[in-house]
Amino acid sequence: MAEKQKQFRAINKTLGKTPNIGPIPADQLFPWSIAVFIALVLHQTFELSWIWTILVAAWGISSWWILTANGSWRILSKFVKPPNWVRIRVTYNPILQNKKKNHRK
């Protein structure tokens, strides 16, 4: 009985991890393919060189990855203005006053 308590419980190592297709995260595959498609359309439309096409595709992929990948809040939270809290003291004035108090005056 004591030996069973000392042994570790086997768990699934893939729990909490995102699926990958090779080095590409699976949730990024579709947006990245759109960025590459847009770069290829620009290549055909404006007759860009392949270097510019690759740079445009890399820019689109990196922009999407920064905005949507895990931990994007670390970068984007710098642009969110925190609320401005102010402490004040106000005297309490009840909306409905007792009839007895008003009647005595």
PDB file of N, CA and C in Angstrom:
ATOM      1  N   MET A   1       0.814  -1.193   0.000  1.00  0.00           N
ATOM      2  CA  MET A   1       0.000   0.000   0.000  1.00  0.00           C
ATOM      3  C   MET A   1       0.865   1.267   0.000  1.00  0.00           C
ATOM      4  N   ALA A   2       1.965   1.232   0.768  1.00  0.00           N
ATOM      5  CA  ALA A   2       2.852   2.391   0.853  1.00  0.00           C
ATOM      6  C   ALA A   2       3.566   2.634  -0.469  1.00  0.00           C
ATOM      7  N   GLU A   3       3.827   1.556  -1.240  1.00  0.00           N
ATOM      8  CA  GLU A   3       4.503   1.713  -2.521  1.00  0.00           C
ATOM      9  C   GLU A   3       3.616   2.436  -3.537  1.00  0.00           C
ATOM     10  N   LYS A   4       2.317   2.184  -3.486  1.00  0.00           N
ATOM     11  CA  LYS A   4       1.403   2.841  -4.421  1.00  0.00           C
ATOM     12  C   LYS A   4       1.313   4.336  -4.151  1.00  0.00           C
ATOM     13  N   GLN A   5       1.407   4.746  -2.910  1.00  0.00           N
ATOM     14  CA  GLN A   5       1.324   6.165  -2.574  1.00  0.00           C
ATOM     15  C   GLN A   5       2.577   6.920  -2.996  1.00  0.00           C
ATOM     16  N   LYS A   6       3.725   6.257  -3.053  1.00  0.00           N
ATOM     17  CA  LYS A   6       4.973   6.915  -3.420  1.00  0.00           C
ATOM     18  C   LYS A   6       5.131   7.081  -4.927  1.00  0.00           C
ATOM     19  N   GLN A   7       4.417   6.273  -5.713  1.00  0.00           N
ATOM     20  CA  GLN A   7       4.539   6.347  -7.164  1.00  0.00           C
ATOM     21  C   GLN A   7       3.782   7.561  -7.700  1.00  0.00           C
ATOM     22  N   PHE A   8       4.326   8.120  -8.770  1.00  0.00           N
ATOM     23  CA  PHE A   8       3.674   9.250  -9.404  1.00  0.00           C
ATOM     24  C   PHE A   8       2.555   8.749 -10.313  1.00  0.00           C
ATOM     25  N   ARG A   9       1.544   9.559 -10.466  1.00  0.00           N
ATOM     26  CA  ARG A   9       0.434   9.224 -11.357  1.00  0.00           C
ATOM     27  C   ARG A   9       0.802   9.669 -12.774  1.00  0.00           C
ATOM     28  N   ALA A  10       0.601   8.798 -13.733  1.00  0.00           N
ATOM     29  CA  ALA A  10       0.907   9.120 -15.128  1.00  0.00           C
ATOM     30  C   ALA A  10      -0.162  10.061 -15.675  1.00  0.00           C
ATOM     31  N   ILE A  11       0.283  11.104 -16.355  1.00  0.00           N
ATOM     32  CA  ILE A  11      -0.647  12.057 -16.961  1.00  0.00           C
ATOM     33  C   ILE A  11      -0.306  12.223 -18.433  1.00  0.00           C
ATOM     34  N   ASN A  12      -1.217  12.805 -19.158  1.00  0.00           N
ATOM     35  CA  ASN A  12      -1.010  13.066 -20.574  1.00  0.00           C
ATOM     36  C   ASN A  12      -0.160  14.327 -20.722  1.00  0.00           C
ATOM     37  N   LYS A  13       0.990  14.219 -21.355  1.00  0.00           N
ATOM     38  CA  LYS A  13       1.907  15.354 -21.486  1.00  0.00           C
ATOM     39  C   LYS A  13       1.419  16.402 -22.469  1.00  0.00           C
ATOM     40  N   THR A  14       0.464  16.066 -23.316  1.00  0.00           N
ATOM     41  CA  THR A  14      -0.011  17.016 -24.314  1.00  0.00           C
ATOM     42  C   THR A  14      -1.157  17.883 -23.812  1.00  0.00           C
ATOM     43  N   LEU A  15      -1.598  17.682 -22.578  1.00  0.00           N
ATOM     44  CA  LEU A  15      -2.675  18.517 -22.039  1.00  0.00           C
ATOM     45  C   LEU A  15      -2.202  19.955 -21.913  1.00  0.00           C
ATOM     46  N   GLY A  16      -2.999  20.881 -22.387  1.00  0.00           N
ATOM     47  CA  GLY A  16      -2.672  22.301 -22.274  1.00  0.00           C
ATOM     48  C   GLY A  16      -1.783  22.823 -23.390  1.00  0.00           C
ATOM     49  N   LYS A  17      -1.339  21.975 -24.298  1.00  0.00           N
ATOM     50  CA  LYS A  17      -0.491  22.424 -25.399  1.00  0.00           C
ATOM     51  C   LYS A  17      -1.344  22.640 -26.643  1.00  0.00           C
ATOM     52  N   THR A  18      -0.893  23.550 -27.503  1.00  0.00           N
ATOM     53  CA  THR A  18      -1.626  23.811 -28.738  1.00  0.00           C
ATOM     54  C   THR A  18      -1.131  22.862 -29.820  1.00  0.00           C
ATOM     55  N   PRO A  19      -2.003  22.436 -30.719  1.00  0.00           N
ATOM     56  CA  PRO A  19      -1.577  21.531 -31.796  1.00  0.00           C
ATOM     57  C   PRO A  19      -0.694  22.254 -32.814  1.00  0.00           C
ATOM     58  N   ASN A  20       0.260  21.526 -33.352  1.00  0.00           N
ATOM     59  CA  ASN A  20       1.187  22.070 -34.346  1.00  0.00           C
ATOM     60  C   ASN A  20       1.173  21.207 -35.586  1.00  0.00           C
ATOM     61  N   ILE A  21       1.399  21.836 -36.726  1.00  0.00           N
ATOM     62  CA  ILE A  21       1.642  21.122 -37.979  1.00  0.00           C
ATOM     63  C   ILE A  21       3.087  21.423 -38.329  1.00  0.00           C
ATOM     64  N   GLY A  22       3.975  20.576 -37.882  1.00  0.00           N
ATOM     65  CA  GLY A  22       5.409  20.840 -38.008  1.00  0.00           C
ATOM     66  C   GLY A  22       5.763  21.997 -37.079  1.00  0.00           C
ATOM     67  N   PRO A  23       6.471  23.000 -37.583  1.00  0.00           N
ATOM     68  CA  PRO A  23       6.804  24.150 -36.738  1.00  0.00           C
ATOM     69  C   PRO A  23       5.703  25.219 -36.695  1.00  0.00           C
ATOM     70  N   ILE A  24       4.628  25.014 -37.478  1.00  0.00           N
ATOM     71  CA  ILE A  24       3.577  26.024 -37.586  1.00  0.00           C
ATOM     72  C   ILE A  24       2.444  25.701 -36.617  1.00  0.00           C
ATOM     73  N   PRO A  25       2.063  26.633 -35.746  1.00  0.00           N
ATOM     74  CA  PRO A  25       0.897  26.397 -34.888  1.00  0.00           C
ATOM     75  C   PRO A  25      -0.360  26.224 -35.737  1.00  0.00           C
ATOM     76  N   ALA A  26      -1.185  25.251 -35.380  1.00  0.00           N
ATOM     77  CA  ALA A  26      -2.350  24.916 -36.201  1.00  0.00           C
ATOM     78  C   ALA A  26      -3.356  26.061 -36.281  1.00  0.00           C
ATOM     79  N   ASP A  27      -3.491  26.843 -35.224  1.00  0.00           N
ATOM     80  CA  ASP A  27      -4.452  27.944 -35.267  1.00  0.00           C
ATOM     81  C   ASP A  27      -3.953  29.115 -36.112  1.00  0.00           C
ATOM     82  N   GLN A  28      -2.678  29.110 -36.482  1.00  0.00           N
ATOM     83  CA  GLN A  28      -2.109  30.182 -37.306  1.00  0.00           C
ATOM     84  C   GLN A  28      -2.015  29.802 -38.778  1.00  0.00           C
ATOM     85  N   LEU A  29      -2.284  28.556 -39.119  1.00  0.00           N
ATOM     86  CA  LEU A  29      -2.085  28.077 -40.485  1.00  0.00           C
ATOM     87  C   LEU A  29      -2.975  28.803 -41.499  1.00  0.00           C
ATOM     88  N   PHE A  30      -4.245  28.938 -41.225  1.00  0.00           N
ATOM     89  CA  PHE A  30      -5.159  29.589 -42.170  1.00  0.00           C
ATOM     90  C   PHE A  30      -4.845  31.080 -42.347  1.00  0.00           C
ATOM     91  N   PRO A  31      -4.666  31.868 -41.271  1.00  0.00           N
ATOM     92  CA  PRO A  31      -4.321  33.292 -41.480  1.00  0.00           C
ATOM     93  C   PRO A  31      -2.975  33.481 -42.189  1.00  0.00           C
ATOM     94  N   TRP A  32      -2.014  32.612 -41.911  1.00  0.00           N
ATOM     95  CA  TRP A  32      -0.725  32.726 -42.578  1.00  0.00           C
ATOM     96  C   TRP A  32      -0.862  32.440 -44.067  1.00  0.00           C
ATOM     97  N   SER A  33      -1.705  31.477 -44.415  1.00  0.00           N
ATOM     98  CA  SER A  33      -1.894  31.185 -45.833  1.00  0.00           C
ATOM     99  C   SER A  33      -2.581  32.358 -46.541  1.00  0.00           C
ATOM    100  N   ILE A  34      -3.457  33.077 -45.833  1.00  0.00           N
ATOM    101  CA  ILE A  34      -4.075  34.275 -46.407  1.00  0.00           C
ATOM    102  C   ILE A  34      -3.023  35.359 -46.641  1.00  0.00           C
ATOM    103  N   ALA A  35      -2.092  35.525 -45.683  1.00  0.00           N
ATOM    104  CA  ALA A  35      -1.024  36.520 -45.845  1.00  0.00           C
ATOM    105  C   ALA A  35      -0.139  36.178 -47.042  1.00  0.00           C
ATOM    106  N   VAL A  36       0.160  34.906 -47.234  1.00  0.00           N
ATOM    107  CA  VAL A  36       0.966  34.479 -48.383  1.00  0.00           C
ATOM    108  C   VAL A  36       0.186  34.685 -49.677  1.00  0.00           C
ATOM    109  N   PHE A  37      -1.107  34.394 -49.659  1.00  0.00           N
ATOM    110  CA  PHE A  37      -1.937  34.597 -50.843  1.00  0.00           C
ATOM    111  C   PHE A  37      -1.983  36.075 -51.237  1.00  0.00           C
ATOM    112  N   ILE A  38      -2.149  36.955 -50.250  1.00  0.00           N
ATOM    113  CA  ILE A  38      -2.159  38.402 -50.532  1.00  0.00           C
ATOM    114  C   ILE A  38      -0.813  38.842 -51.106  1.00  0.00           C
ATOM    115  N   ALA A  39       0.284  38.301 -50.567  1.00  0.00           N
ATOM    116  CA  ALA A  39       1.610  38.643 -51.098  1.00  0.00           C
ATOM    117  C   ALA A  39       1.757  38.177 -52.538  1.00  0.00           C
ATOM    118  N   LEU A  40       1.214  36.989 -52.854  1.00  0.00           N
ATOM    119  CA  LEU A  40       1.295  36.497 -54.232  1.00  0.00           C
ATOM    120  C   LEU A  40       0.424  37.318 -55.182  1.00  0.00           C
ATOM    121  N   VAL A  41      -0.726  37.772 -54.702  1.00  0.00           N
ATOM    122  CA  VAL A  41      -1.581  38.636 -55.532  1.00  0.00           C
ATOM    123  C   VAL A  41      -0.874  39.958 -55.807  1.00  0.00           C
ATOM    124  N   LEU A  42      -0.232  40.524 -54.791  1.00  0.00           N
ATOM    125  CA  LEU A  42       0.533  41.758 -54.993  1.00  0.00           C
ATOM    126  C   LEU A  42       1.697  41.531 -55.948  1.00  0.00           C
ATOM    127  N   HIS A  43       2.305  40.338 -55.872  1.00  0.00           N
ATOM    128  CA  HIS A  43       3.406  40.005 -56.783  1.00  0.00           C
ATOM    129  C   HIS A  43       2.925  39.997 -58.235  1.00  0.00           C
ATOM    130  N   GLN A  44       1.755  39.406 -58.463  1.00  0.00           N
ATOM    131  CA  GLN A  44       1.224  39.345 -59.823  1.00  0.00           C
ATOM    132  C   GLN A  44       0.695  40.697 -60.302  1.00  0.00           C
ATOM    133  N   THR A  45       0.055  41.433 -59.392  1.00  0.00           N
ATOM    134  CA  THR A  45      -0.571  42.699 -59.777  1.00  0.00           C
ATOM    135  C   THR A  45       0.465  43.772 -60.099  1.00  0.00           C
ATOM    136  N   PHE A  46       1.416  43.948 -59.202  1.00  0.00           N
ATOM    137  CA  PHE A  46       2.390  45.028 -59.357  1.00  0.00           C
ATOM    138  C   PHE A  46       3.727  44.555 -59.909  1.00  0.00           C
ATOM    139  N   GLU A  47       3.803  43.293 -60.297  1.00  0.00           N
ATOM    140  CA  GLU A  47       5.022  42.703 -60.844  1.00  0.00           C
ATOM    141  C   GLU A  47       6.229  42.954 -59.939  1.00  0.00           C
ATOM    142  N   LEU A  48       6.038  42.624 -58.663  1.00  0.00           N
ATOM    143  CA  LEU A  48       7.111  42.779 -57.685  1.00  0.00           C
ATOM    144  C   LEU A  48       8.135  41.670 -57.835  1.00  0.00           C
ATOM    145  N   SER A  49       9.340  41.927 -57.358  1.00  0.00           N
ATOM    146  CA  SER A  49      10.347  40.860 -57.351  1.00  0.00           C
ATOM    147  C   SER A  49      10.003  39.870 -56.234  1.00  0.00           C
ATOM    148  N   TRP A  50      10.649  38.711 -56.286  1.00  0.00           N
ATOM    149  CA  TRP A  50      10.357  37.688 -55.285  1.00  0.00           C
ATOM    150  C   TRP A  50      10.830  38.101 -53.902  1.00  0.00           C
ATOM    151  N   ILE A  51      11.843  38.928 -53.830  1.00  0.00           N
ATOM    152  CA  ILE A  51      12.328  39.400 -52.522  1.00  0.00           C
ATOM    153  C   ILE A  51      11.244  40.232 -51.844  1.00  0.00           C
ATOM    154  N   TRP A  52      10.617  41.144 -52.608  1.00  0.00           N
ATOM    155  CA  TRP A  52       9.537  41.961 -52.040  1.00  0.00           C
ATOM    156  C   TRP A  52       8.325  41.106 -51.683  1.00  0.00           C
ATOM    157  N   THR A  53       8.060  40.099 -52.491  1.00  0.00           N
ATOM    158  CA  THR A  53       6.934  39.207 -52.212  1.00  0.00           C
ATOM    159  C   THR A  53       7.163  38.458 -50.897  1.00  0.00           C
ATOM    160  N   ILE A  54       8.367  37.954 -50.713  1.00  0.00           N
ATOM    161  CA  ILE A  54       8.693  37.240 -49.471  1.00  0.00           C
ATOM    162  C   ILE A  54       8.653  38.187 -48.284  1.00  0.00           C
ATOM    163  N   LEU A  55       9.131  39.414 -48.458  1.00  0.00           N
ATOM    164  CA  LEU A  55       9.100  40.387 -47.364  1.00  0.00           C
ATOM    165  C   LEU A  55       7.663  40.767 -46.983  1.00  0.00           C
ATOM    166  N   VAL A  56       6.794  40.938 -47.974  1.00  0.00           N
ATOM    167  CA  VAL A  56       5.385  41.260 -47.699  1.00  0.00           C
ATOM    168  C   VAL A  56       4.713  40.094 -46.986  1.00  0.00           C
ATOM    169  N   ALA A  57       4.986  38.873 -47.427  1.00  0.00           N
ATOM    170  CA  ALA A  57       4.411  37.691 -46.773  1.00  0.00           C
ATOM    171  C   ALA A  57       4.924  37.574 -45.342  1.00  0.00           C
ATOM    172  N   ALA A  58       6.219  37.788 -45.128  1.00  0.00           N
ATOM    173  CA  ALA A  58       6.786  37.718 -43.779  1.00  0.00           C
ATOM    174  C   ALA A  58       6.216  38.812 -42.889  1.00  0.00           C
ATOM    175  N   TRP A  59       5.998  39.987 -43.442  1.00  0.00           N
ATOM    176  CA  TRP A  59       5.400  41.077 -42.664  1.00  0.00           C
ATOM    177  C   TRP A  59       3.979  40.718 -42.249  1.00  0.00           C
ATOM    178  N   GLY A  60       3.177  40.178 -43.164  1.00  0.00           N
ATOM    179  CA  GLY A  60       1.811  39.788 -42.841  1.00  0.00           C
ATOM    180  C   GLY A  60       1.754  38.671 -41.813  1.00  0.00           C
ATOM    181  N   ILE A  61       2.626  37.688 -41.970  1.00  0.00           N
ATOM    182  CA  ILE A  61       2.666  36.571 -41.030  1.00  0.00           C
ATOM    183  C   ILE A  61       3.092  37.045 -39.652  1.00  0.00           C
ATOM    184  N   SER A  62       4.149  37.849 -39.583  1.00  0.00           N
ATOM    185  CA  SER A  62       4.640  38.300 -38.276  1.00  0.00           C
ATOM    186  C   SER A  62       3.643  39.232 -37.594  1.00  0.00           C
ATOM    187  N   SER A  63       2.974  40.076 -38.371  1.00  0.00           N
ATOM    188  CA  SER A  63       1.967  40.968 -37.780  1.00  0.00           C
ATOM    189  C   SER A  63       0.823  40.168 -37.183  1.00  0.00           C
ATOM    190  N   TRP A  64       0.343  39.174 -37.915  1.00  0.00           N
ATOM    191  CA  TRP A  64      -0.752  38.345 -37.407  1.00  0.00           C
ATOM    192  C   TRP A  64      -0.316  37.554 -36.188  1.00  0.00           C
ATOM    193  N   TRP A  65       0.902  37.057 -36.201  1.00  0.00           N
ATOM    194  CA  TRP A  65       1.395  36.253 -35.085  1.00  0.00           C
ATOM    195  C   TRP A  65       1.526  37.104 -33.826  1.00  0.00           C
ATOM    196  N   ILE A  66       2.011  38.322 -33.967  1.00  0.00           N
ATOM    197  CA  ILE A  66       2.156  39.208 -32.806  1.00  0.00           C
ATOM    198  C   ILE A  66       0.792  39.561 -32.225  1.00  0.00           C
ATOM    199  N   LEU A  67      -0.180  39.789 -33.103  1.00  0.00           N
ATOM    200  CA  LEU A  67      -1.494  40.218 -32.627  1.00  0.00           C
ATOM    201  C   LEU A  67      -2.328  39.095 -32.021  1.00  0.00           C
ATOM    202  N   THR A  68      -2.148  37.869 -32.461  1.00  0.00           N
ATOM    203  CA  THR A  68      -3.059  36.806 -32.035  1.00  0.00           C
ATOM    204  C   THR A  68      -2.406  35.636 -31.317  1.00  0.00           C
ATOM    205  N   ALA A  69      -1.107  35.539 -31.293  1.00  0.00           N
ATOM    206  CA  ALA A  69      -0.460  34.369 -30.690  1.00  0.00           C
ATOM    207  C   ALA A  69      -0.593  34.398 -29.170  1.00  0.00           C
ATOM    208  N   ASN A  70      -0.243  33.288 -28.547  1.00  0.00           N
ATOM    209  CA  ASN A  70      -0.293  33.210 -27.084  1.00  0.00           C
ATOM    210  C   ASN A  70       0.636  34.255 -26.485  1.00  0.00           C
ATOM    211  N   GLY A  71       0.137  34.944 -25.492  1.00  0.00           N
ATOM    212  CA  GLY A  71       0.928  35.994 -24.862  1.00  0.00           C
ATOM    213  C   GLY A  71       0.858  37.310 -25.586  1.00  0.00           C
ATOM    214  N   SER A  72      -0.089  37.470 -26.497  1.00  0.00           N
ATOM    215  CA  SER A  72      -0.182  38.743 -27.215  1.00  0.00           C
ATOM    216  C   SER A  72      -0.552  39.876 -26.266  1.00  0.00           C
ATOM    217  N   TRP A  73      -1.172  39.545 -25.138  1.00  0.00           N
ATOM    218  CA  TRP A  73      -1.540  40.573 -24.168  1.00  0.00           C
ATOM    219  C   TRP A  73      -0.307  41.250 -23.597  1.00  0.00           C
ATOM    220  N   ARG A  74       0.841  40.577 -23.616  1.00  0.00           N
ATOM    221  CA  ARG A  74       2.073  41.190 -23.095  1.00  0.00           C
ATOM    222  C   ARG A  74       2.485  42.400 -23.927  1.00  0.00           C
ATOM    223  N   ILE A  75       2.243  42.320 -25.220  1.00  0.00           N
ATOM    224  CA  ILE A  75       2.604  43.425 -26.114  1.00  0.00           C
ATOM    225  C   ILE A  75       1.472  44.431 -26.197  1.00  0.00           C
ATOM    226  N   LEU A  76       0.246  43.935 -26.400  1.00  0.00           N
ATOM    227  CA  LEU A  76      -0.885  44.825 -26.640  1.00  0.00           C
ATOM    228  C   LEU A  76      -1.374  45.526 -25.377  1.00  0.00           C
ATOM    229  N   SER A  77      -1.089  44.978 -24.199  1.00  0.00           N
ATOM    230  CA  SER A  77      -1.564  45.617 -22.970  1.00  0.00           C
ATOM    231  C   SER A  77      -0.830  46.928 -22.685  1.00  0.00           C
ATOM    232  N   LYS A  78       0.279  47.159 -23.345  1.00  0.00           N
ATOM    233  CA  LYS A  78       1.003  48.414 -23.160  1.00  0.00           C
ATOM    234  C   LYS A  78       0.247  49.602 -23.744  1.00  0.00           C
ATOM    235  N   PHE A  79      -0.690  49.336 -24.675  1.00  0.00           N
ATOM    236  CA  PHE A  79      -1.417  50.401 -25.333  1.00  0.00           C
ATOM    237  C   PHE A  79      -2.770  50.691 -24.687  1.00  0.00           C
ATOM    238  N   VAL A  80      -3.142  49.933 -23.664  1.00  0.00           N
ATOM    239  CA  VAL A  80      -4.422  50.133 -23.001  1.00  0.00           C
ATOM    240  C   VAL A  80      -4.211  51.083 -21.833  1.00  0.00           C
ATOM    241  N   LYS A  81      -4.973  52.167 -21.830  1.00  0.00           N
ATOM    242  CA  LYS A  81      -4.834  53.156 -20.763  1.00  0.00           C
ATOM    243  C   LYS A  81      -5.553  52.646 -19.507  1.00  0.00           C
ATOM    244  N   PRO A  82      -4.873  52.638 -18.371  1.00  0.00           N
ATOM    245  CA  PRO A  82      -5.539  52.196 -17.140  1.00  0.00           C
ATOM    246  C   PRO A  82      -6.570  53.229 -16.690  1.00  0.00           C
ATOM    247  N   PRO A  83      -7.568  52.789 -15.947  1.00  0.00           N
ATOM    248  CA  PRO A  83      -8.583  53.742 -15.506  1.00  0.00           C
ATOM    249  C   PRO A  83      -8.008  54.733 -14.502  1.00  0.00           C
ATOM    250  N   ASN A  84      -8.585  55.920 -14.481  1.00  0.00           N
ATOM    251  CA  ASN A  84      -8.141  56.965 -13.567  1.00  0.00           C
ATOM    252  C   ASN A  84      -9.082  56.967 -12.361  1.00  0.00           C
ATOM    253  N   TRP A  85      -8.639  56.390 -11.251  1.00  0.00           N
ATOM    254  CA  TRP A  85      -9.455  56.312 -10.045  1.00  0.00           C
ATOM    255  C   TRP A  85      -9.183  57.527  -9.170  1.00  0.00           C
ATOM    256  N   VAL A  86     -10.242  58.133  -8.653  1.00  0.00           N
ATOM    257  CA  VAL A  86     -10.122  59.297  -7.795  1.00  0.00           C
ATOM    258  C   VAL A  86     -10.914  59.034  -6.525  1.00  0.00           C
ATOM    259  N   ARG A  87     -10.324  59.346  -5.384  1.00  0.00           N
ATOM    260  CA  ARG A  87     -11.031  59.199  -4.109  1.00  0.00           C
ATOM    261  C   ARG A  87     -11.612  60.540  -3.694  1.00  0.00           C
ATOM    262  N   ILE A  88     -12.878  60.511  -3.398  1.00  0.00           N
ATOM    263  CA  ILE A  88     -13.520  61.723  -2.911  1.00  0.00           C
ATOM    264  C   ILE A  88     -14.390  61.355  -1.724  1.00  0.00           C
ATOM    265  N   ARG A  89     -14.768  62.359  -0.952  1.00  0.00           N
ATOM    266  CA  ARG A  89     -15.648  62.147   0.182  1.00  0.00           C
ATOM    267  C   ARG A  89     -16.886  63.018  -0.022  1.00  0.00           C
ATOM    268  N   VAL A  90     -18.052  62.383   0.041  1.00  0.00           N
ATOM    269  CA  VAL A  90     -19.308  63.069  -0.179  1.00  0.00           C
ATOM    270  C   VAL A  90     -20.195  62.823   1.023  1.00  0.00           C
ATOM    271  N   THR A  91     -20.870  63.858   1.481  1.00  0.00           N
ATOM    272  CA  THR A  91     -21.808  63.671   2.597  1.00  0.00           C
ATOM    273  C   THR A  91     -23.057  62.967   2.096  1.00  0.00           C
ATOM    274  N   TYR A  92     -23.614  62.151   2.938  1.00  0.00           N
ATOM    275  CA  TYR A  92     -24.776  61.360   2.567  1.00  0.00           C
ATOM    276  C   TYR A  92     -26.030  62.204   2.681  1.00  0.00           C
ATOM    277  N   ASN A  93     -26.768  62.351   1.600  1.00  0.00           N
ATOM    278  CA  ASN A  93     -28.051  63.031   1.572  1.00  0.00           C
ATOM    279  C   ASN A  93     -29.090  62.032   1.084  1.00  0.00           C
ATOM    280  N   PRO A  94     -29.953  61.548   1.968  1.00  0.00           N
ATOM    281  CA  PRO A  94     -30.943  60.564   1.535  1.00  0.00           C
ATOM    282  C   PRO A  94     -31.943  61.174   0.567  1.00  0.00           C
ATOM    283  N   ILE A  95     -32.354  60.367  -0.386  1.00  0.00           N
ATOM    284  CA  ILE A  95     -33.320  60.826  -1.379  1.00  0.00           C
ATOM    285  C   ILE A  95     -34.707  60.933  -0.754  1.00  0.00           C
ATOM    286  N   LEU A  96     -35.092  59.893  -0.049  1.00  0.00           N
ATOM    287  CA  LEU A  96     -36.385  59.890   0.637  1.00  0.00           C
ATOM    288  C   LEU A  96     -36.151  60.209   2.110  1.00  0.00           C
ATOM    289  N   GLN A  97     -36.728  61.265   2.580  1.00  0.00           N
ATOM    290  CA  GLN A  97     -36.541  61.634   3.981  1.00  0.00           C
ATOM    291  C   GLN A  97     -37.745  61.179   4.779  1.00  0.00           C
ATOM    292  N   ASN A  98     -37.506  60.911   6.060  1.00  0.00           N
ATOM    293  CA  ASN A  98     -38.595  60.484   6.948  1.00  0.00           C
ATOM    294  C   ASN A  98     -39.617  61.602   7.092  1.00  0.00           C
ATOM    295  N   LYS A  99     -40.891  61.226   7.145  1.00  0.00           N
ATOM    296  CA  LYS A  99     -41.955  62.208   7.316  1.00  0.00           C
ATOM    297  C   LYS A  99     -41.940  62.806   8.718  1.00  0.00           C
ATOM    298  N   LYS A 100     -41.456  62.040   9.689  1.00  0.00           N
ATOM    299  CA  LYS A 100     -41.425  62.519  11.068  1.00  0.00           C
ATOM    300  C   LYS A 100     -40.462  63.682  11.206  1.00  0.00           C
ATOM    301  N   LYS A 101     -39.289  63.600  10.550  1.00  0.00           N
ATOM    302  CA  LYS A 101     -38.317  64.672  10.657  1.00  0.00           C
ATOM    303  C   LYS A 101     -38.835  65.952   9.991  1.00  0.00           C
ATOM    304  N   ASN A 102     -39.441  65.808   8.821  1.00  0.00           N
ATOM    305  CA  ASN A 102     -39.970  66.974   8.110  1.00  0.00           C
ATOM    306  C   ASN A 102     -41.175  67.557   8.840  1.00  0.00           C
ATOM    307  N   HIS A 103     -41.942  66.714   9.508  1.00  0.00           N
ATOM    308  CA  HIS A 103     -43.151  67.164  10.184  1.00  0.00           C
ATOM    309  C   HIS A 103     -42.814  68.000  11.416  1.00  0.00           C
ATOM    310  N   ARG A 104     -41.759  67.707  12.095  1.00  0.00           N
ATOM    311  CA  ARG A 104     -41.372  68.467  13.305  1.00  0.00           C
ATOM    312  C   ARG A 104     -40.891  69.859  12.958  1.00  0.00           C
ATOM    313  N   LYS A 105     -40.309  70.045  11.820  1.00  0.00           N
ATOM    314  CA  LYS A 105     -39.762  71.354  11.456  1.00  0.00           C
ATOM    315  C   LYS A 105     -40.860  72.221  11.023  1.00  0.00           C
TER     316      LYS A 105
END
